[in-house]
Amino acid sequence: MNPPGERERFYAALDLQLDSEHNPRGERVMNMERLKSIQHVGSRRIILCWLAGLLFIFAGINHFLKPEFYERIVPPGFPSPRILIIASAIAEIAGGLGLLIRPLRAVAGWGLIALLVAVFPANIYMALRSDRFEISPWILWARLPLQPVLMICVWWVALCRSQRSLTVPNPPH
């Protein structure tokens, strides 16, 4: 026999509702609209997780394919641009792979958010010195607000607490 209230806490955690109108015995039933909503959010999160993971993996690989370009965007005064580019490439690839592996997802999320903060000065430098790059200045300026959007995306797929609600535990007997 379960301790009193355990079953209620279990169902409350799942956001189940008492639906006496459709269930005259007063049994707790899953609100199907809520279940569909959880499944829909879960599908979007999984798709976005894979897209973000692949984005970071390919961006990291690109650092190795075009290191000269990435060295040019390191702001003056930063030490050893080549080492910074290699380190950021490895971090992007590792973070992208980490997003795709569930047990590593949270650590990868924190690492990628830290990386996005760390490389933001390079993005600002590109926008301020657009004459040094073969990219339209408006694109370089427009990309600056996308950095926080990418951070939020990584947070949502890797760290958001609501993803735990997608795992339904076994009910107490």
N, C-alpha and C. Protein backbone atom coordinates (compact mmCIF):
# COMPACT_ATOMS: atom_id res chain seq x y z
N MET A 1 0.84 -1.18 0.00
CA MET A 1 0.00 0.00 0.00
C MET A 1 0.89 1.24 0.00
N ASN A 2 0.50 2.21 -0.77
CA ASN A 2 1.26 3.45 -0.88
C ASN A 2 0.91 4.42 0.25
N PRO A 3 1.87 5.24 0.64
CA PRO A 3 1.56 6.25 1.66
C PRO A 3 0.47 7.18 1.15
N PRO A 4 -0.34 7.72 2.07
CA PRO A 4 -1.43 8.62 1.66
C PRO A 4 -0.87 9.82 0.90
N GLY A 5 -1.51 10.16 -0.18
CA GLY A 5 -1.14 11.35 -0.95
C GLY A 5 -0.10 11.08 -2.04
N GLU A 6 0.53 9.90 -2.02
CA GLU A 6 1.56 9.64 -3.02
C GLU A 6 0.97 9.62 -4.43
N ARG A 7 -0.16 8.95 -4.56
CA ARG A 7 -0.82 8.85 -5.87
C ARG A 7 -1.24 10.25 -6.34
N GLU A 8 -1.76 11.08 -5.44
CA GLU A 8 -2.19 12.43 -5.82
C GLU A 8 -1.00 13.27 -6.28
N ARG A 9 0.13 13.14 -5.55
CA ARG A 9 1.33 13.89 -5.95
C ARG A 9 1.82 13.43 -7.32
N PHE A 10 1.74 12.11 -7.55
CA PHE A 10 2.15 11.58 -8.84
C PHE A 10 1.32 12.19 -9.97
N TYR A 11 0.01 12.16 -9.81
CA TYR A 11 -0.85 12.69 -10.86
C TYR A 11 -0.74 14.20 -10.99
N ALA A 12 -0.54 14.89 -9.89
CA ALA A 12 -0.36 16.34 -9.94
C ALA A 12 0.91 16.67 -10.71
N ALA A 13 1.95 15.87 -10.52
CA ALA A 13 3.21 16.11 -11.22
C ALA A 13 3.03 15.95 -12.72
N LEU A 14 2.12 15.10 -13.11
CA LEU A 14 1.88 14.90 -14.54
C LEU A 14 0.84 15.86 -15.10
N ASP A 15 0.34 16.73 -14.26
CA ASP A 15 -0.68 17.68 -14.66
C ASP A 15 -1.93 16.97 -15.16
N LEU A 16 -2.28 15.91 -14.47
CA LEU A 16 -3.51 15.21 -14.80
C LEU A 16 -4.68 15.92 -14.16
N GLN A 17 -5.82 15.74 -14.74
CA GLN A 17 -6.98 16.46 -14.24
C GLN A 17 -8.08 15.49 -13.81
N LEU A 18 -8.81 15.87 -12.79
CA LEU A 18 -9.97 15.12 -12.36
C LEU A 18 -11.11 15.53 -13.30
N ASP A 19 -11.60 14.59 -14.06
CA ASP A 19 -12.58 14.88 -15.09
C ASP A 19 -13.87 14.14 -14.77
N SER A 20 -14.62 14.60 -13.79
CA SER A 20 -15.83 13.90 -13.35
C SER A 20 -16.94 14.02 -14.38
N GLU A 21 -16.89 15.00 -15.26
CA GLU A 21 -17.93 15.15 -16.26
C GLU A 21 -17.91 13.97 -17.24
N HIS A 22 -16.72 13.53 -17.62
CA HIS A 22 -16.60 12.43 -18.56
C HIS A 22 -16.29 11.11 -17.87
N ASN A 23 -16.06 11.18 -16.57
CA ASN A 23 -15.74 9.98 -15.83
C ASN A 23 -16.51 10.03 -14.51
N PRO A 24 -17.72 9.49 -14.50
CA PRO A 24 -18.59 9.62 -13.34
C PRO A 24 -18.00 9.02 -12.05
N ARG A 25 -17.07 8.11 -12.16
CA ARG A 25 -16.48 7.52 -10.95
C ARG A 25 -15.43 8.43 -10.34
N GLY A 26 -15.11 9.55 -11.01
CA GLY A 26 -14.15 10.50 -10.45
C GLY A 26 -12.71 10.04 -10.58
N GLU A 27 -12.44 9.07 -11.49
CA GLU A 27 -11.06 8.64 -11.68
C GLU A 27 -10.26 9.74 -12.36
N ARG A 28 -8.99 9.73 -12.07
CA ARG A 28 -8.12 10.72 -12.70
C ARG A 28 -7.80 10.22 -14.11
N VAL A 29 -7.95 11.12 -15.08
CA VAL A 29 -7.66 10.76 -16.46
C VAL A 29 -6.77 11.83 -17.07
N MET A 30 -6.00 11.44 -18.03
CA MET A 30 -5.12 12.37 -18.71
C MET A 30 -5.94 13.26 -19.63
N ASN A 31 -5.73 14.53 -19.53
CA ASN A 31 -6.34 15.47 -20.45
C ASN A 31 -5.64 15.26 -21.80
N MET A 32 -6.36 14.76 -22.79
CA MET A 32 -5.75 14.38 -24.06
C MET A 32 -5.16 15.59 -24.80
N GLU A 33 -5.78 16.74 -24.64
CA GLU A 33 -5.23 17.93 -25.28
C GLU A 33 -3.87 18.26 -24.69
N ARG A 34 -3.75 18.10 -23.36
CA ARG A 34 -2.46 18.35 -22.69
C ARG A 34 -1.42 17.35 -23.18
N LEU A 35 -1.80 16.08 -23.32
CA LEU A 35 -0.89 15.06 -23.79
C LEU A 35 -0.42 15.38 -25.21
N LYS A 36 -1.34 15.77 -26.08
CA LYS A 36 -0.97 16.13 -27.45
C LYS A 36 -0.04 17.33 -27.45
N SER A 37 -0.30 18.29 -26.58
CA SER A 37 0.55 19.48 -26.48
C SER A 37 1.95 19.09 -26.05
N ILE A 38 2.07 18.20 -25.05
CA ILE A 38 3.38 17.75 -24.58
C ILE A 38 4.12 17.03 -25.70
N GLN A 39 3.41 16.17 -26.43
CA GLN A 39 4.04 15.44 -27.52
C GLN A 39 4.49 16.39 -28.62
N HIS A 40 3.68 17.41 -28.91
CA HIS A 40 4.02 18.38 -29.96
C HIS A 40 5.26 19.17 -29.57
N VAL A 41 5.31 19.64 -28.33
CA VAL A 41 6.47 20.38 -27.85
C VAL A 41 7.69 19.48 -27.87
N GLY A 42 7.52 18.23 -27.47
CA GLY A 42 8.63 17.28 -27.48
C GLY A 42 9.17 17.06 -28.87
N SER A 43 8.30 16.97 -29.87
CA SER A 43 8.73 16.79 -31.26
C SER A 43 9.50 18.01 -31.74
N ARG A 44 8.98 19.21 -31.43
CA ARG A 44 9.70 20.43 -31.83
C ARG A 44 11.05 20.51 -31.16
N ARG A 45 11.10 20.14 -29.89
CA ARG A 45 12.37 20.20 -29.15
C ARG A 45 13.38 19.23 -29.76
N ILE A 46 12.96 18.04 -30.10
CA ILE A 46 13.88 17.05 -30.67
C ILE A 46 14.40 17.53 -32.02
N ILE A 47 13.51 18.05 -32.86
CA ILE A 47 13.93 18.56 -34.17
C ILE A 47 14.91 19.71 -34.00
N LEU A 48 14.58 20.64 -33.12
CA LEU A 48 15.46 21.79 -32.89
C LEU A 48 16.79 21.35 -32.27
N CYS A 49 16.75 20.35 -31.43
CA CYS A 49 17.97 19.83 -30.83
C CYS A 49 18.90 19.28 -31.91
N TRP A 50 18.34 18.52 -32.83
CA TRP A 50 19.15 17.97 -33.92
C TRP A 50 19.66 19.07 -34.84
N LEU A 51 18.81 20.04 -35.15
CA LEU A 51 19.26 21.15 -36.01
C LEU A 51 20.39 21.93 -35.34
N ALA A 52 20.22 22.24 -34.06
CA ALA A 52 21.26 22.98 -33.34
C ALA A 52 22.54 22.16 -33.26
N GLY A 53 22.40 20.89 -32.94
CA GLY A 53 23.58 20.02 -32.86
C GLY A 53 24.34 19.99 -34.17
N LEU A 54 23.62 19.80 -35.26
CA LEU A 54 24.28 19.75 -36.58
C LEU A 54 24.86 21.12 -36.96
N LEU A 55 24.17 22.19 -36.62
CA LEU A 55 24.69 23.53 -36.88
C LEU A 55 26.05 23.73 -36.22
N PHE A 56 26.14 23.38 -34.94
CA PHE A 56 27.40 23.55 -34.22
C PHE A 56 28.49 22.61 -34.75
N ILE A 57 28.13 21.39 -35.09
CA ILE A 57 29.11 20.45 -35.63
C ILE A 57 29.69 20.99 -36.94
N PHE A 58 28.81 21.41 -37.85
CA PHE A 58 29.29 21.90 -39.15
C PHE A 58 30.03 23.24 -39.01
N ALA A 59 29.59 24.09 -38.09
CA ALA A 59 30.31 25.34 -37.86
C ALA A 59 31.71 25.04 -37.34
N GLY A 60 31.83 24.08 -36.44
CA GLY A 60 33.15 23.71 -35.93
C GLY A 60 34.04 23.14 -37.01
N ILE A 61 33.48 22.28 -37.84
CA ILE A 61 34.25 21.72 -38.96
C ILE A 61 34.71 22.84 -39.89
N ASN A 62 33.84 23.81 -40.12
CA ASN A 62 34.18 24.93 -41.01
C ASN A 62 35.38 25.73 -40.48
N HIS A 63 35.54 25.79 -39.15
CA HIS A 63 36.70 26.47 -38.57
C HIS A 63 38.00 25.81 -39.04
N PHE A 64 37.97 24.48 -39.20
CA PHE A 64 39.16 23.77 -39.66
C PHE A 64 39.35 23.91 -41.17
N LEU A 65 38.25 24.05 -41.90
CA LEU A 65 38.34 24.17 -43.36
C LEU A 65 38.77 25.57 -43.80
N LYS A 66 38.39 26.61 -43.04
CA LYS A 66 38.71 28.00 -43.40
C LYS A 66 39.29 28.75 -42.21
N PRO A 67 40.40 28.27 -41.67
CA PRO A 67 40.94 28.91 -40.46
C PRO A 67 41.36 30.36 -40.68
N GLU A 68 41.80 30.71 -41.89
CA GLU A 68 42.24 32.09 -42.15
C GLU A 68 41.10 33.08 -41.96
N PHE A 69 39.91 32.72 -42.44
CA PHE A 69 38.75 33.60 -42.27
C PHE A 69 38.47 33.83 -40.79
N TYR A 70 38.43 32.75 -40.03
CA TYR A 70 38.11 32.85 -38.60
C TYR A 70 39.20 33.58 -37.82
N GLU A 71 40.45 33.43 -38.25
CA GLU A 71 41.53 34.18 -37.59
C GLU A 71 41.35 35.69 -37.79
N ARG A 72 40.85 36.08 -38.95
CA ARG A 72 40.65 37.51 -39.24
C ARG A 72 39.57 38.12 -38.36
N ILE A 73 38.64 37.32 -37.88
CA ILE A 73 37.56 37.91 -37.08
C ILE A 73 37.88 37.97 -35.59
N VAL A 74 39.03 37.41 -35.20
CA VAL A 74 39.44 37.53 -33.79
C VAL A 74 39.87 38.98 -33.57
N PRO A 75 39.25 39.65 -32.62
CA PRO A 75 39.59 41.07 -32.39
C PRO A 75 41.07 41.24 -32.01
N PRO A 76 41.66 42.38 -32.42
CA PRO A 76 43.05 42.65 -32.05
C PRO A 76 43.17 42.67 -30.51
N GLY A 77 44.28 42.21 -30.04
CA GLY A 77 44.50 42.18 -28.60
C GLY A 77 44.21 40.82 -27.99
N PHE A 78 43.45 39.98 -28.69
CA PHE A 78 43.23 38.63 -28.20
C PHE A 78 44.47 37.80 -28.54
N PRO A 79 44.96 36.99 -27.61
CA PRO A 79 46.18 36.23 -27.87
C PRO A 79 45.95 35.02 -28.77
N SER A 80 46.94 34.66 -29.54
CA SER A 80 46.99 33.42 -30.32
C SER A 80 45.70 33.11 -31.07
N PRO A 81 45.38 33.89 -32.10
CA PRO A 81 44.13 33.64 -32.84
C PRO A 81 43.99 32.19 -33.33
N ARG A 82 45.06 31.58 -33.80
CA ARG A 82 44.97 30.21 -34.32
C ARG A 82 44.53 29.25 -33.22
N ILE A 83 45.10 29.41 -32.03
CA ILE A 83 44.72 28.53 -30.91
C ILE A 83 43.27 28.78 -30.50
N LEU A 84 42.85 30.04 -30.50
CA LEU A 84 41.45 30.35 -30.15
C LEU A 84 40.49 29.73 -31.17
N ILE A 85 40.86 29.77 -32.44
CA ILE A 85 40.01 29.20 -33.49
C ILE A 85 39.92 27.68 -33.33
N ILE A 86 41.04 27.04 -33.09
CA ILE A 86 41.04 25.59 -32.90
C ILE A 86 40.22 25.22 -31.65
N ALA A 87 40.42 25.96 -30.57
CA ALA A 87 39.67 25.68 -29.33
C ALA A 87 38.17 25.86 -29.54
N SER A 88 37.78 26.94 -30.23
CA SER A 88 36.34 27.15 -30.45
C SER A 88 35.77 26.10 -31.40
N ALA A 89 36.57 25.67 -32.38
CA ALA A 89 36.11 24.62 -33.30
C ALA A 89 35.86 23.31 -32.54
N ILE A 90 36.81 22.95 -31.70
CA ILE A 90 36.65 21.72 -30.90
C ILE A 90 35.44 21.84 -29.98
N ALA A 91 35.29 23.01 -29.35
CA ALA A 91 34.15 23.21 -28.44
C ALA A 91 32.83 23.14 -29.20
N GLU A 92 32.77 23.71 -30.40
CA GLU A 92 31.53 23.66 -31.18
C GLU A 92 31.19 22.23 -31.58
N ILE A 93 32.18 21.50 -32.05
CA ILE A 93 31.94 20.11 -32.46
C ILE A 93 31.52 19.27 -31.26
N ALA A 94 32.26 19.40 -30.15
CA ALA A 94 31.93 18.62 -28.95
C ALA A 94 30.56 19.01 -28.42
N GLY A 95 30.25 20.30 -28.40
CA GLY A 95 28.94 20.75 -27.93
C GLY A 95 27.82 20.26 -28.83
N GLY A 96 28.03 20.33 -30.14
CA GLY A 96 27.02 19.84 -31.07
C GLY A 96 26.76 18.36 -30.91
N LEU A 97 27.84 17.59 -30.76
CA LEU A 97 27.66 16.15 -30.51
C LEU A 97 26.98 15.92 -29.17
N GLY A 98 27.36 16.71 -28.17
CA GLY A 98 26.76 16.57 -26.85
C GLY A 98 25.26 16.81 -26.85
N LEU A 99 24.80 17.74 -27.69
CA LEU A 99 23.35 17.98 -27.79
C LEU A 99 22.62 16.75 -28.31
N LEU A 100 23.30 15.94 -29.11
CA LEU A 100 22.67 14.78 -29.72
C LEU A 100 22.70 13.55 -28.82
N ILE A 101 23.44 13.63 -27.71
CA ILE A 101 23.56 12.50 -26.79
C ILE A 101 22.90 12.91 -25.48
N ARG A 102 21.75 12.32 -25.19
CA ARG A 102 20.92 12.76 -24.06
C ARG A 102 21.68 12.91 -22.74
N PRO A 103 22.50 11.94 -22.31
CA PRO A 103 23.18 12.14 -21.01
C PRO A 103 24.17 13.30 -21.00
N LEU A 104 24.61 13.74 -22.16
CA LEU A 104 25.57 14.85 -22.24
C LEU A 104 24.91 16.18 -22.56
N ARG A 105 23.62 16.17 -22.82
CA ARG A 105 22.92 17.34 -23.33
C ARG A 105 23.02 18.56 -22.42
N ALA A 106 22.83 18.39 -21.13
CA ALA A 106 22.87 19.55 -20.22
C ALA A 106 24.27 20.16 -20.15
N VAL A 107 25.28 19.31 -20.04
CA VAL A 107 26.66 19.81 -19.99
C VAL A 107 27.00 20.51 -21.32
N ALA A 108 26.58 19.90 -22.41
CA ALA A 108 26.82 20.51 -23.73
C ALA A 108 26.10 21.85 -23.83
N GLY A 109 24.90 21.92 -23.30
CA GLY A 109 24.14 23.17 -23.34
C GLY A 109 24.87 24.29 -22.61
N TRP A 110 25.33 24.01 -21.39
CA TRP A 110 26.08 25.04 -20.65
C TRP A 110 27.35 25.42 -21.39
N GLY A 111 28.05 24.43 -21.94
CA GLY A 111 29.28 24.71 -22.68
C GLY A 111 29.03 25.56 -23.92
N LEU A 112 27.96 25.26 -24.65
CA LEU A 112 27.66 26.03 -25.86
C LEU A 112 27.22 27.45 -25.53
N ILE A 113 26.46 27.61 -24.46
CA ILE A 113 26.07 28.96 -24.06
C ILE A 113 27.30 29.77 -23.68
N ALA A 114 28.22 29.15 -22.93
CA ALA A 114 29.48 29.84 -22.58
C ALA A 114 30.27 30.18 -23.83
N LEU A 115 30.30 29.26 -24.78
CA LEU A 115 31.02 29.51 -26.04
C LEU A 115 30.39 30.68 -26.80
N LEU A 116 29.07 30.71 -26.87
CA LEU A 116 28.39 31.80 -27.57
C LEU A 116 28.68 33.15 -26.92
N VAL A 117 28.77 33.17 -25.61
CA VAL A 117 29.14 34.41 -24.91
C VAL A 117 30.59 34.77 -25.24
N ALA A 118 31.46 33.76 -25.26
CA ALA A 118 32.89 34.00 -25.48
C ALA A 118 33.19 34.51 -26.89
N VAL A 119 32.44 34.06 -27.89
CA VAL A 119 32.74 34.48 -29.26
C VAL A 119 31.98 35.75 -29.67
N PHE A 120 31.12 36.24 -28.79
CA PHE A 120 30.34 37.44 -29.13
C PHE A 120 31.23 38.65 -29.45
N PRO A 121 32.35 38.86 -28.75
CA PRO A 121 33.22 39.99 -29.13
C PRO A 121 33.70 39.91 -30.59
N ALA A 122 33.91 38.71 -31.09
CA ALA A 122 34.31 38.57 -32.49
C ALA A 122 33.18 39.02 -33.42
N ASN A 123 31.95 38.70 -33.07
CA ASN A 123 30.81 39.14 -33.88
C ASN A 123 30.68 40.66 -33.87
N ILE A 124 30.88 41.26 -32.70
CA ILE A 124 30.84 42.73 -32.60
C ILE A 124 31.96 43.34 -33.44
N TYR A 125 33.14 42.77 -33.32
CA TYR A 125 34.29 43.26 -34.10
C TYR A 125 33.99 43.20 -35.60
N MET A 126 33.40 42.11 -36.07
CA MET A 126 33.05 41.99 -37.49
C MET A 126 32.08 43.10 -37.90
N ALA A 127 31.08 43.36 -37.06
CA ALA A 127 30.10 44.40 -37.40
C ALA A 127 30.75 45.78 -37.43
N LEU A 128 31.63 46.05 -36.47
CA LEU A 128 32.28 47.36 -36.41
C LEU A 128 33.31 47.56 -37.53
N ARG A 129 33.93 46.48 -37.95
CA ARG A 129 34.97 46.54 -38.99
C ARG A 129 34.53 45.80 -40.24
N SER A 130 33.31 46.05 -40.68
CA SER A 130 32.75 45.33 -41.82
C SER A 130 33.56 45.54 -43.10
N ASP A 131 34.36 46.63 -43.17
CA ASP A 131 35.18 46.89 -44.34
C ASP A 131 36.26 45.81 -44.54
N ARG A 132 36.56 45.04 -43.52
CA ARG A 132 37.59 44.00 -43.61
C ARG A 132 37.04 42.67 -44.11
N PHE A 133 35.73 42.59 -44.31
CA PHE A 133 35.13 41.30 -44.66
C PHE A 133 34.29 41.45 -45.92
N GLU A 134 34.14 40.39 -46.64
CA GLU A 134 33.36 40.40 -47.88
C GLU A 134 31.89 40.08 -47.61
N ILE A 135 31.40 40.58 -46.49
CA ILE A 135 30.01 40.34 -46.09
C ILE A 135 29.34 41.70 -45.91
N SER A 136 28.12 41.80 -46.38
CA SER A 136 27.39 43.07 -46.28
C SER A 136 27.30 43.52 -44.82
N PRO A 137 27.55 44.80 -44.55
CA PRO A 137 27.49 45.30 -43.17
C PRO A 137 26.15 45.05 -42.50
N TRP A 138 25.04 45.17 -43.23
CA TRP A 138 23.75 44.97 -42.60
C TRP A 138 23.58 43.53 -42.12
N ILE A 139 24.19 42.56 -42.82
CA ILE A 139 24.12 41.16 -42.37
C ILE A 139 24.90 41.00 -41.07
N LEU A 140 26.06 41.64 -41.00
CA LEU A 140 26.88 41.54 -39.79
C LEU A 140 26.18 42.17 -38.59
N TRP A 141 25.49 43.29 -38.83
CA TRP A 141 24.74 43.93 -37.73
C TRP A 141 23.49 43.13 -37.38
N ALA A 142 22.82 42.58 -38.39
CA ALA A 142 21.60 41.82 -38.15
C ALA A 142 21.88 40.52 -37.40
N ARG A 143 23.08 40.02 -37.54
CA ARG A 143 23.40 38.75 -36.88
C ARG A 143 23.64 38.92 -35.38
N LEU A 144 23.96 40.12 -34.93
CA LEU A 144 24.24 40.33 -33.50
C LEU A 144 23.07 39.92 -32.60
N PRO A 145 21.82 40.34 -32.90
CA PRO A 145 20.72 39.90 -32.02
C PRO A 145 20.39 38.41 -32.15
N LEU A 146 20.93 37.77 -33.18
CA LEU A 146 20.67 36.33 -33.32
C LEU A 146 21.47 35.51 -32.31
N GLN A 147 22.57 36.07 -31.80
CA GLN A 147 23.38 35.35 -30.82
C GLN A 147 22.57 35.02 -29.55
N PRO A 148 21.86 36.00 -28.96
CA PRO A 148 21.01 35.64 -27.81
C PRO A 148 19.89 34.67 -28.18
N VAL A 149 19.38 34.77 -29.39
CA VAL A 149 18.33 33.84 -29.83
C VAL A 149 18.90 32.42 -29.87
N LEU A 150 20.12 32.29 -30.36
CA LEU A 150 20.77 30.98 -30.39
C LEU A 150 21.03 30.46 -28.97
N MET A 151 21.39 31.36 -28.06
CA MET A 151 21.58 30.96 -26.66
C MET A 151 20.27 30.43 -26.07
N ILE A 152 19.18 31.12 -26.35
CA ILE A 152 17.87 30.68 -25.84
C ILE A 152 17.50 29.33 -26.46
N CYS A 153 17.78 29.16 -27.72
CA CYS A 153 17.51 27.88 -28.40
C CYS A 153 18.29 26.75 -27.72
N VAL A 154 19.57 26.97 -27.46
CA VAL A 154 20.39 25.95 -26.80
C VAL A 154 19.83 25.67 -25.40
N TRP A 155 19.49 26.73 -24.69
CA TRP A 155 18.92 26.55 -23.35
C TRP A 155 17.65 25.70 -23.43
N TRP A 156 16.78 26.01 -24.39
CA TRP A 156 15.50 25.31 -24.48
C TRP A 156 15.68 23.83 -24.79
N VAL A 157 16.59 23.50 -25.72
CA VAL A 157 16.74 22.08 -26.08
C VAL A 157 17.58 21.31 -25.08
N ALA A 158 18.45 22.00 -24.33
CA ALA A 158 19.38 21.27 -23.47
C ALA A 158 19.12 21.43 -21.97
N LEU A 159 18.56 22.56 -21.56
CA LEU A 159 18.51 22.86 -20.14
C LEU A 159 17.13 23.16 -19.58
N CYS A 160 16.17 23.40 -20.42
CA CYS A 160 14.83 23.80 -19.97
C CYS A 160 14.22 22.69 -19.12
N ARG A 161 13.71 23.06 -17.96
CA ARG A 161 13.15 22.09 -17.01
C ARG A 161 11.92 21.39 -17.55
N SER A 162 11.17 22.04 -18.43
CA SER A 162 9.93 21.43 -18.89
C SER A 162 10.19 20.18 -19.70
N GLN A 163 11.42 19.96 -20.16
CA GLN A 163 11.68 18.75 -20.91
C GLN A 163 11.55 17.52 -20.03
N ARG A 164 11.69 17.69 -18.71
CA ARG A 164 11.51 16.56 -17.80
C ARG A 164 10.07 16.08 -17.82
N SER A 165 9.13 16.97 -18.13
CA SER A 165 7.74 16.56 -18.16
C SER A 165 7.44 15.63 -19.31
N LEU A 166 8.41 15.49 -20.24
CA LEU A 166 8.19 14.60 -21.36
C LEU A 166 8.43 13.15 -20.96
N THR A 167 9.07 12.93 -19.84
CA THR A 167 9.30 11.59 -19.35
C THR A 167 8.22 11.28 -18.32
N VAL A 168 7.39 10.31 -18.63
CA VAL A 168 6.27 9.97 -17.74
C VAL A 168 6.69 8.78 -16.87
N PRO A 169 6.76 9.01 -15.55
CA PRO A 169 7.14 7.90 -14.68
C PRO A 169 6.00 6.89 -14.55
N ASN A 170 6.33 5.70 -14.06
CA ASN A 170 5.30 4.70 -13.82
C ASN A 170 4.46 5.12 -12.63
N PRO A 171 3.15 4.96 -12.73
CA PRO A 171 2.29 5.35 -11.59
C PRO A 171 2.49 4.41 -10.42
N PRO A 172 2.29 4.94 -9.20
CA PRO A 172 2.36 4.07 -8.02
C PRO A 172 1.20 3.08 -8.05
N HIS A 173 1.41 1.95 -7.47
CA HIS A 173 0.36 0.90 -7.46
C HIS A 173 -0.61 1.12 -6.34
